[in-house]
Protein backbone atom coordinates (compact mmCIF):
# COMPACT_ATOMS: atom_id res chain seq x y z
CA UNK A 1 0.00 0.00 0.00
CA UNK A 2 1.26 3.45 -0.93
CA UNK A 3 -0.23 6.31 1.09
CA UNK A 4 1.09 8.93 -1.32
CA UNK A 5 -0.99 7.40 -4.11
CA UNK A 6 -4.03 7.01 -1.87
CA UNK A 7 -3.95 10.66 -0.81
CA UNK A 8 -3.35 11.67 -4.43
CA UNK A 9 -6.34 9.54 -5.45
CA UNK A 10 -8.54 11.29 -2.86
CA UNK A 11 -7.44 14.71 -4.08
CA UNK A 12 -7.90 13.63 -7.71
CA UNK A 13 -11.38 12.33 -6.88
CA UNK A 14 -12.27 15.69 -5.35
CA UNK A 15 -11.01 17.46 -8.47
CA UNK A 16 -12.94 15.05 -10.70
CA UNK A 17 -16.20 15.41 -8.77
CA UNK A 18 -15.79 19.19 -8.73
CA UNK A 19 -15.13 19.23 -12.46
CA UNK A 20 -18.13 17.05 -13.31
CA UNK A 21 -20.59 18.79 -10.97
CA UNK A 22 -19.60 22.40 -10.26
CA UNK A 23 -17.73 22.82 -13.54
CA UNK A 24 -20.64 21.44 -15.51
CA UNK A 25 -23.19 23.73 -13.85
CA UNK A 26 -21.04 26.84 -13.56
CA UNK A 27 -19.09 26.76 -16.83
CA UNK A 28 -20.22 24.18 -19.38
CA UNK A 29 -24.00 24.74 -19.27
CA UNK A 30 -23.78 28.56 -19.52
CA UNK A 31 -21.24 28.23 -22.34
CA UNK A 32 -23.57 25.92 -24.26
CA UNK A 33 -26.41 28.44 -24.05
CA UNK A 34 -24.24 31.48 -24.87
CA UNK A 35 -24.34 33.10 -28.28
CA UNK A 36 -21.07 32.32 -30.03
CA UNK A 37 -19.73 30.04 -32.74
CA UNK A 38 -21.18 26.50 -32.58
CA UNK A 39 -17.85 24.95 -33.62
CA UNK A 40 -16.14 26.62 -30.65
CA UNK A 41 -18.91 25.33 -28.36
CA UNK A 42 -18.37 21.77 -29.58
CA UNK A 43 -14.60 22.11 -29.16
CA UNK A 44 -14.92 23.41 -25.60
CA UNK A 45 -17.44 20.68 -24.76
CA UNK A 46 -15.03 18.08 -26.14
CA UNK A 47 -12.13 19.45 -24.06
CA UNK A 48 -14.35 19.47 -20.97
CA UNK A 49 -15.22 15.79 -21.50
CA UNK A 50 -11.63 14.81 -22.30
CA UNK A 51 -10.42 16.41 -19.07
CA UNK A 52 -13.17 14.65 -17.12
CA UNK A 53 -12.21 11.28 -18.61
CA UNK A 54 -8.51 11.90 -17.88
CA UNK A 55 -9.32 12.84 -14.28
CA UNK A 56 -11.49 9.77 -13.78
CA UNK A 57 -8.97 7.34 -15.28
CA UNK A 58 -6.02 8.86 -13.42
CA UNK A 59 -8.00 8.70 -10.16
CA UNK A 60 -8.70 5.00 -10.74
CA UNK A 61 -5.03 4.36 -11.59
CA UNK A 62 -3.85 6.15 -8.45
CA UNK A 63 -6.33 4.20 -6.34
CA UNK A 64 -5.27 0.88 -7.86
CA UNK A 65 -1.57 1.63 -7.30
CA UNK A 66 -2.24 2.98 -3.81
CA UNK A 67 -4.05 -0.20 -2.76
CA UNK A 68 -1.37 -2.38 -4.34
CA UNK A 69 -3.68 -3.86 -6.97
CA UNK A 70 -1.25 -2.77 -9.68
CA UNK A 71 2.49 -2.62 -9.22
CA UNK A 72 3.58 0.99 -9.37
CA UNK A 73 6.96 -0.08 -10.73
CA UNK A 74 5.24 -1.58 -13.78
CA UNK A 75 3.44 1.73 -14.33
CA UNK A 76 6.20 4.10 -13.25
CA UNK A 77 6.18 6.10 -16.49
CA UNK A 78 2.38 6.35 -16.48
CA UNK A 79 2.42 7.64 -12.91
CA UNK A 80 5.07 10.21 -13.82
CA UNK A 81 2.87 11.24 -16.75
CA UNK A 82 -0.12 11.70 -14.42
CA UNK A 83 2.01 13.72 -11.99
CA UNK A 84 3.36 15.90 -14.78
CA UNK A 85 -0.13 16.56 -16.13
CA UNK A 86 -1.51 17.66 -12.78
CA UNK A 87 1.50 19.89 -12.04
CA UNK A 88 1.13 21.47 -15.48
CA UNK A 89 -2.61 21.96 -14.87
CA UNK A 90 -1.71 23.79 -11.64
CA UNK A 91 0.98 25.95 -13.27
CA UNK A 92 -1.29 26.81 -16.17
CA UNK A 93 -4.09 27.87 -13.82
CA UNK A 94 -1.67 30.04 -11.85
CA UNK A 95 -0.47 31.66 -15.06
CA UNK A 96 -4.02 32.32 -16.26
CA UNK A 97 -5.09 33.59 -12.84
CA UNK A 98 -2.26 36.08 -12.51
CA UNK A 99 -2.29 37.33 -16.09
CA UNK A 100 -6.06 37.85 -16.19
CA UNK A 101 -8.09 40.69 -14.76
CA UNK A 102 -9.58 38.55 -11.98
CA UNK A 103 -9.49 39.94 -8.46
CA UNK A 104 -7.24 38.29 -5.88
CA UNK A 105 -10.05 36.25 -4.28
CA UNK A 106 -11.02 34.77 -7.66
CA UNK A 107 -7.40 33.85 -8.33
CA UNK A 108 -7.21 31.96 -5.05
CA UNK A 109 -10.40 30.02 -5.78
CA UNK A 110 -8.89 28.33 -8.81
CA UNK A 111 -8.18 24.63 -8.63
CA UNK A 112 -4.40 24.91 -8.74
CA UNK A 113 -3.75 23.85 -5.11
CA UNK A 114 -5.73 20.65 -5.64
CA UNK A 115 -4.02 19.92 -8.97
CA UNK A 116 -0.61 20.66 -7.50
CA UNK A 117 -1.22 18.36 -4.53
CA UNK A 118 -2.24 15.48 -6.84
CA UNK A 119 0.87 15.99 -8.94
CA UNK A 120 3.22 16.32 -5.99
CA UNK A 121 1.79 13.34 -4.09
CA UNK A 122 1.94 11.18 -7.21
CA UNK A 123 5.52 12.21 -7.86
CA UNK A 124 6.49 11.49 -4.25
CA UNK A 125 4.76 8.11 -4.41
CA UNK A 126 6.60 7.19 -7.58
CA UNK A 127 10.03 8.35 -6.40
CA UNK A 128 9.96 7.34 -2.72
CA UNK A 129 8.31 3.95 -2.88
C-alpha atoms as a PDB file:
ATOM      1  CA  UNK A   1       0.000   0.000   0.000  1.00  0.00           C
ATOM      2  CA  UNK A   2       1.263   3.450  -0.926  1.00  0.00           C
ATOM      3  CA  UNK A   3      -0.228   6.312   1.093  1.00  0.00           C
ATOM      4  CA  UNK A   4       1.088   8.933  -1.317  1.00  0.00           C
ATOM      5  CA  UNK A   5      -0.986   7.404  -4.114  1.00  0.00           C
ATOM      6  CA  UNK A   6      -4.030   7.007  -1.871  1.00  0.00           C
ATOM      7  CA  UNK A   7      -3.952  10.665  -0.814  1.00  0.00           C
ATOM      8  CA  UNK A   8      -3.347  11.670  -4.430  1.00  0.00           C
ATOM      9  CA  UNK A   9      -6.344   9.539  -5.448  1.00  0.00           C
ATOM     10  CA  UNK A  10      -8.539  11.286  -2.861  1.00  0.00           C
ATOM     11  CA  UNK A  11      -7.441  14.715  -4.079  1.00  0.00           C
ATOM     12  CA  UNK A  12      -7.902  13.633  -7.708  1.00  0.00           C
ATOM     13  CA  UNK A  13     -11.378  12.330  -6.882  1.00  0.00           C
ATOM     14  CA  UNK A  14     -12.273  15.695  -5.349  1.00  0.00           C
ATOM     15  CA  UNK A  15     -11.011  17.457  -8.474  1.00  0.00           C
ATOM     16  CA  UNK A  16     -12.940  15.053 -10.703  1.00  0.00           C
ATOM     17  CA  UNK A  17     -16.195  15.414  -8.771  1.00  0.00           C
ATOM     18  CA  UNK A  18     -15.792  19.194  -8.731  1.00  0.00           C
ATOM     19  CA  UNK A  19     -15.129  19.228 -12.461  1.00  0.00           C
ATOM     20  CA  UNK A  20     -18.126  17.052 -13.309  1.00  0.00           C
ATOM     21  CA  UNK A  21     -20.591  18.795 -10.968  1.00  0.00           C
ATOM     22  CA  UNK A  22     -19.601  22.397 -10.264  1.00  0.00           C
ATOM     23  CA  UNK A  23     -17.727  22.824 -13.540  1.00  0.00           C
ATOM     24  CA  UNK A  24     -20.637  21.444 -15.513  1.00  0.00           C
ATOM     25  CA  UNK A  25     -23.193  23.728 -13.852  1.00  0.00           C
ATOM     26  CA  UNK A  26     -21.043  26.839 -13.555  1.00  0.00           C
ATOM     27  CA  UNK A  27     -19.086  26.760 -16.834  1.00  0.00           C
ATOM     28  CA  UNK A  28     -20.221  24.183 -19.379  1.00  0.00           C
ATOM     29  CA  UNK A  29     -23.995  24.743 -19.269  1.00  0.00           C
ATOM     30  CA  UNK A  30     -23.778  28.561 -19.518  1.00  0.00           C
ATOM     31  CA  UNK A  31     -21.245  28.231 -22.342  1.00  0.00           C
ATOM     32  CA  UNK A  32     -23.569  25.917 -24.261  1.00  0.00           C
ATOM     33  CA  UNK A  33     -26.413  28.435 -24.047  1.00  0.00           C
ATOM     34  CA  UNK A  34     -24.242  31.479 -24.868  1.00  0.00           C
ATOM     35  CA  UNK A  35     -24.337  33.098 -28.275  1.00  0.00           C
ATOM     36  CA  UNK A  36     -21.067  32.325 -30.029  1.00  0.00           C
ATOM     37  CA  UNK A  37     -19.731  30.037 -32.743  1.00  0.00           C
ATOM     38  CA  UNK A  38     -21.180  26.500 -32.575  1.00  0.00           C
ATOM     39  CA  UNK A  39     -17.847  24.950 -33.617  1.00  0.00           C
ATOM     40  CA  UNK A  40     -16.144  26.622 -30.652  1.00  0.00           C
ATOM     41  CA  UNK A  41     -18.907  25.327 -28.357  1.00  0.00           C
ATOM     42  CA  UNK A  42     -18.374  21.767 -29.583  1.00  0.00           C
ATOM     43  CA  UNK A  43     -14.601  22.108 -29.162  1.00  0.00           C
ATOM     44  CA  UNK A  44     -14.924  23.408 -25.595  1.00  0.00           C
ATOM     45  CA  UNK A  45     -17.444  20.676 -24.757  1.00  0.00           C
ATOM     46  CA  UNK A  46     -15.026  18.085 -26.143  1.00  0.00           C
ATOM     47  CA  UNK A  47     -12.131  19.450 -24.064  1.00  0.00           C
ATOM     48  CA  UNK A  48     -14.354  19.470 -20.971  1.00  0.00           C
ATOM     49  CA  UNK A  49     -15.225  15.794 -21.501  1.00  0.00           C
ATOM     50  CA  UNK A  50     -11.630  14.815 -22.300  1.00  0.00           C
ATOM     51  CA  UNK A  51     -10.422  16.410 -19.073  1.00  0.00           C
ATOM     52  CA  UNK A  52     -13.174  14.645 -17.117  1.00  0.00           C
ATOM     53  CA  UNK A  53     -12.206  11.280 -18.606  1.00  0.00           C
ATOM     54  CA  UNK A  54      -8.512  11.902 -17.876  1.00  0.00           C
ATOM     55  CA  UNK A  55      -9.319  12.845 -14.276  1.00  0.00           C
ATOM     56  CA  UNK A  56     -11.494   9.770 -13.783  1.00  0.00           C
ATOM     57  CA  UNK A  57      -8.965   7.337 -15.279  1.00  0.00           C
ATOM     58  CA  UNK A  58      -6.019   8.860 -13.424  1.00  0.00           C
ATOM     59  CA  UNK A  59      -8.001   8.697 -10.164  1.00  0.00           C
ATOM     60  CA  UNK A  60      -8.697   5.003 -10.735  1.00  0.00           C
ATOM     61  CA  UNK A  61      -5.034   4.364 -11.595  1.00  0.00           C
ATOM     62  CA  UNK A  62      -3.851   6.151  -8.450  1.00  0.00           C
ATOM     63  CA  UNK A  63      -6.332   4.202  -6.337  1.00  0.00           C
ATOM     64  CA  UNK A  64      -5.271   0.879  -7.861  1.00  0.00           C
ATOM     65  CA  UNK A  65      -1.575   1.629  -7.298  1.00  0.00           C
ATOM     66  CA  UNK A  66      -2.241   2.982  -3.810  1.00  0.00           C
ATOM     67  CA  UNK A  67      -4.046  -0.197  -2.763  1.00  0.00           C
ATOM     68  CA  UNK A  68      -1.369  -2.381  -4.339  1.00  0.00           C
ATOM     69  CA  UNK A  69      -3.685  -3.861  -6.968  1.00  0.00           C
ATOM     70  CA  UNK A  70      -1.254  -2.774  -9.677  1.00  0.00           C
ATOM     71  CA  UNK A  71       2.487  -2.620  -9.219  1.00  0.00           C
ATOM     72  CA  UNK A  72       3.577   0.990  -9.374  1.00  0.00           C
ATOM     73  CA  UNK A  73       6.961  -0.077 -10.734  1.00  0.00           C
ATOM     74  CA  UNK A  74       5.243  -1.581 -13.781  1.00  0.00           C
ATOM     75  CA  UNK A  75       3.441   1.729 -14.325  1.00  0.00           C
ATOM     76  CA  UNK A  76       6.200   4.101 -13.248  1.00  0.00           C
ATOM     77  CA  UNK A  77       6.179   6.102 -16.488  1.00  0.00           C
ATOM     78  CA  UNK A  78       2.377   6.346 -16.484  1.00  0.00           C
ATOM     79  CA  UNK A  79       2.421   7.638 -12.909  1.00  0.00           C
ATOM     80  CA  UNK A  80       5.068  10.209 -13.817  1.00  0.00           C
ATOM     81  CA  UNK A  81       2.866  11.237 -16.751  1.00  0.00           C
ATOM     82  CA  UNK A  82      -0.118  11.697 -14.416  1.00  0.00           C
ATOM     83  CA  UNK A  83       2.014  13.721 -11.988  1.00  0.00           C
ATOM     84  CA  UNK A  84       3.361  15.901 -14.783  1.00  0.00           C
ATOM     85  CA  UNK A  85      -0.131  16.562 -16.132  1.00  0.00           C
ATOM     86  CA  UNK A  86      -1.508  17.658 -12.781  1.00  0.00           C
ATOM     87  CA  UNK A  87       1.501  19.888 -12.044  1.00  0.00           C
ATOM     88  CA  UNK A  88       1.126  21.469 -15.482  1.00  0.00           C
ATOM     89  CA  UNK A  89      -2.609  21.955 -14.867  1.00  0.00           C
ATOM     90  CA  UNK A  90      -1.708  23.793 -11.645  1.00  0.00           C
ATOM     91  CA  UNK A  91       0.979  25.947 -13.268  1.00  0.00           C
ATOM     92  CA  UNK A  92      -1.292  26.811 -16.172  1.00  0.00           C
ATOM     93  CA  UNK A  93      -4.090  27.872 -13.823  1.00  0.00           C
ATOM     94  CA  UNK A  94      -1.672  30.044 -11.855  1.00  0.00           C
ATOM     95  CA  UNK A  95      -0.467  31.655 -15.055  1.00  0.00           C
ATOM     96  CA  UNK A  96      -4.018  32.323 -16.264  1.00  0.00           C
ATOM     97  CA  UNK A  97      -5.088  33.587 -12.845  1.00  0.00           C
ATOM     98  CA  UNK A  98      -2.261  36.081 -12.510  1.00  0.00           C
ATOM     99  CA  UNK A  99      -2.294  37.327 -16.094  1.00  0.00           C
ATOM    100  CA  UNK A 100      -6.056  37.851 -16.193  1.00  0.00           C
ATOM    101  CA  UNK A 101      -8.086  40.690 -14.757  1.00  0.00           C
ATOM    102  CA  UNK A 102      -9.577  38.551 -11.979  1.00  0.00           C
ATOM    103  CA  UNK A 103      -9.485  39.941  -8.462  1.00  0.00           C
ATOM    104  CA  UNK A 104      -7.240  38.290  -5.878  1.00  0.00           C
ATOM    105  CA  UNK A 105     -10.048  36.252  -4.279  1.00  0.00           C
ATOM    106  CA  UNK A 106     -11.022  34.765  -7.656  1.00  0.00           C
ATOM    107  CA  UNK A 107      -7.399  33.849  -8.332  1.00  0.00           C
ATOM    108  CA  UNK A 108      -7.213  31.964  -5.046  1.00  0.00           C
ATOM    109  CA  UNK A 109     -10.396  30.016  -5.785  1.00  0.00           C
ATOM    110  CA  UNK A 110      -8.894  28.334  -8.814  1.00  0.00           C
ATOM    111  CA  UNK A 111      -8.177  24.630  -8.628  1.00  0.00           C
ATOM    112  CA  UNK A 112      -4.397  24.914  -8.744  1.00  0.00           C
ATOM    113  CA  UNK A 113      -3.747  23.846  -5.110  1.00  0.00           C
ATOM    114  CA  UNK A 114      -5.731  20.647  -5.638  1.00  0.00           C
ATOM    115  CA  UNK A 115      -4.022  19.915  -8.966  1.00  0.00           C
ATOM    116  CA  UNK A 116      -0.611  20.660  -7.502  1.00  0.00           C
ATOM    117  CA  UNK A 117      -1.215  18.358  -4.534  1.00  0.00           C
ATOM    118  CA  UNK A 118      -2.239  15.480  -6.836  1.00  0.00           C
ATOM    119  CA  UNK A 119       0.867  15.986  -8.943  1.00  0.00           C
ATOM    120  CA  UNK A 120       3.224  16.318  -5.986  1.00  0.00           C
ATOM    121  CA  UNK A 121       1.793  13.335  -4.092  1.00  0.00           C
ATOM    122  CA  UNK A 122       1.938  11.176  -7.211  1.00  0.00           C
ATOM    123  CA  UNK A 123       5.520  12.210  -7.864  1.00  0.00           C
ATOM    124  CA  UNK A 124       6.495  11.486  -4.249  1.00  0.00           C
ATOM    125  CA  UNK A 125       4.762   8.110  -4.412  1.00  0.00           C
ATOM    126  CA  UNK A 126       6.603   7.190  -7.582  1.00  0.00           C
ATOM    127  CA  UNK A 127      10.026   8.347  -6.399  1.00  0.00           C
ATOM    128  CA  UNK A 128       9.963   7.341  -2.718  1.00  0.00           C
ATOM    129  CA  UNK A 129       8.311   3.951  -2.884  1.00  0.00           C
END
